[in-house]
């Protein structure tokens, strides 16, 4: 479902990523983070892409983390909680320093 919540298209040499979950103010969850990392990695490896624009559908760019999911995770014992993937953490660091070409 997260892939459907992150839409991607090109405008010239710009990749446009649209978070498309306006019913929940485009809140982010683990699947959407992973889809975003995958899209940014694809942009990074494509020499035709010179810039990336991230936008949100509807009236809200992004509410941040999905609080409903966070509350569900807090109610689970630590062993049952999902762990952040290494790819997600690496992507977070990478997006802060997206290389210029």
Protein backbone atom coordinates (compact mmCIF):
# COMPACT_ATOMS: atom_id res chain seq x y z
CA UNK A 1 0.00 0.00 0.00
CA UNK A 2 2.86 2.41 0.66
CA UNK A 3 3.95 2.34 -2.98
CA UNK A 4 0.49 3.65 -3.88
CA UNK A 5 0.93 6.40 -1.26
CA UNK A 6 4.16 7.65 -2.86
CA UNK A 7 3.59 8.76 -6.41
CA UNK A 8 6.47 9.57 -8.71
CA UNK A 9 6.77 11.30 -12.05
CA UNK A 10 9.37 13.24 -13.98
CA UNK A 11 9.23 16.83 -15.13
CA UNK A 12 12.26 17.29 -17.34
CA UNK A 13 15.28 16.42 -15.21
CA UNK A 14 13.32 16.70 -11.95
CA UNK A 15 11.79 13.74 -10.15
CA UNK A 16 8.62 14.74 -8.32
CA UNK A 17 7.59 12.56 -5.37
CA UNK A 18 4.09 13.11 -4.00
CA UNK A 19 3.04 11.70 -0.63
CA UNK A 20 -0.56 10.78 -1.38
CA UNK A 21 -2.44 9.98 1.81
CA UNK A 22 -4.41 13.21 2.39
CA UNK A 23 -7.02 11.47 4.58
CA UNK A 24 -4.28 11.13 7.22
CA UNK A 25 -2.52 14.40 6.37
CA UNK A 26 0.19 12.46 4.54
CA UNK A 27 1.50 10.96 7.79
CA UNK A 28 4.61 8.81 7.40
CA UNK A 29 4.94 5.19 8.43
CA UNK A 30 7.67 2.57 7.97
CA UNK A 31 6.43 1.43 4.56
CA UNK A 32 6.28 4.98 3.26
CA UNK A 33 9.76 5.72 4.62
CA UNK A 34 11.06 2.63 2.78
CA UNK A 35 9.32 3.67 -0.45
CA UNK A 36 10.84 7.14 -0.12
CA UNK A 37 14.33 5.74 0.41
CA UNK A 38 13.90 3.51 -2.64
CA UNK A 39 12.75 6.47 -4.75
CA UNK A 40 15.65 8.66 -3.59
CA UNK A 41 18.12 5.87 -4.32
CA UNK A 42 16.62 5.52 -7.81
CA UNK A 43 17.01 9.27 -8.34
CA UNK A 44 20.59 9.15 -7.10
CA UNK A 45 21.53 6.37 -9.52
CA UNK A 46 19.83 8.00 -12.52
CA UNK A 47 22.19 10.45 -14.24
CA UNK A 48 19.21 12.13 -15.95
CA UNK A 49 17.76 13.28 -12.61
CA UNK A 50 19.24 16.59 -11.44
CA UNK A 51 16.77 17.44 -8.67
CA UNK A 52 14.04 15.91 -6.51
CA UNK A 53 10.92 17.70 -5.29
CA UNK A 54 8.90 16.14 -2.46
CA UNK A 55 5.35 17.36 -2.08
CA UNK A 56 2.12 16.26 -0.42
CA UNK A 57 -1.34 15.68 -1.84
CA UNK A 58 -4.24 17.73 -0.52
CA UNK A 59 -3.90 20.73 1.78
CA UNK A 60 -1.11 19.35 3.97
CA UNK A 61 2.48 18.63 3.00
CA UNK A 62 3.12 16.07 5.75
CA UNK A 63 1.94 15.74 9.33
CA UNK A 64 5.12 13.86 10.28
CA UNK A 65 5.10 10.39 11.79
CA UNK A 66 1.91 8.37 11.94
CA UNK A 67 0.91 8.79 15.60
CA UNK A 68 -1.68 5.98 15.50
CA UNK A 69 1.06 3.55 14.49
CA UNK A 70 3.38 4.94 17.16
CA UNK A 71 0.73 4.37 19.85
CA UNK A 72 0.14 0.82 18.61
CA UNK A 73 3.88 0.12 18.82
CA UNK A 74 4.10 1.47 22.36
CA UNK A 75 1.50 -1.08 23.44
CA UNK A 76 3.57 -3.99 22.09
CA UNK A 77 6.37 -5.58 24.08
CA UNK A 78 9.82 -4.50 22.79
CA UNK A 79 10.48 -7.87 21.11
CA UNK A 80 7.36 -7.42 18.95
CA UNK A 81 8.11 -3.88 17.81
CA UNK A 82 9.33 -3.37 14.28
CA UNK A 83 12.92 -2.17 14.09
CA UNK A 84 14.13 0.55 11.79
CA UNK A 85 15.90 -0.96 8.86
CA UNK A 86 19.51 -0.13 8.13
CA UNK A 87 18.37 1.11 4.71
CA UNK A 88 15.94 3.53 6.33
CA UNK A 89 18.59 4.90 8.68
CA UNK A 90 21.15 5.16 5.88
CA UNK A 91 18.59 6.90 3.69
CA UNK A 92 17.84 9.41 6.42
CA UNK A 93 21.51 10.32 6.61
CA UNK A 94 21.82 10.28 2.84
CA UNK A 95 18.83 12.56 2.22
CA UNK A 96 20.43 15.20 4.45
CA UNK A 97 23.48 15.22 2.18
CA UNK A 98 22.04 14.45 -1.27
CA UNK A 99 25.04 14.78 -3.59
CA UNK A 100 25.17 17.46 -6.24
CA UNK A 101 26.29 16.57 -9.71
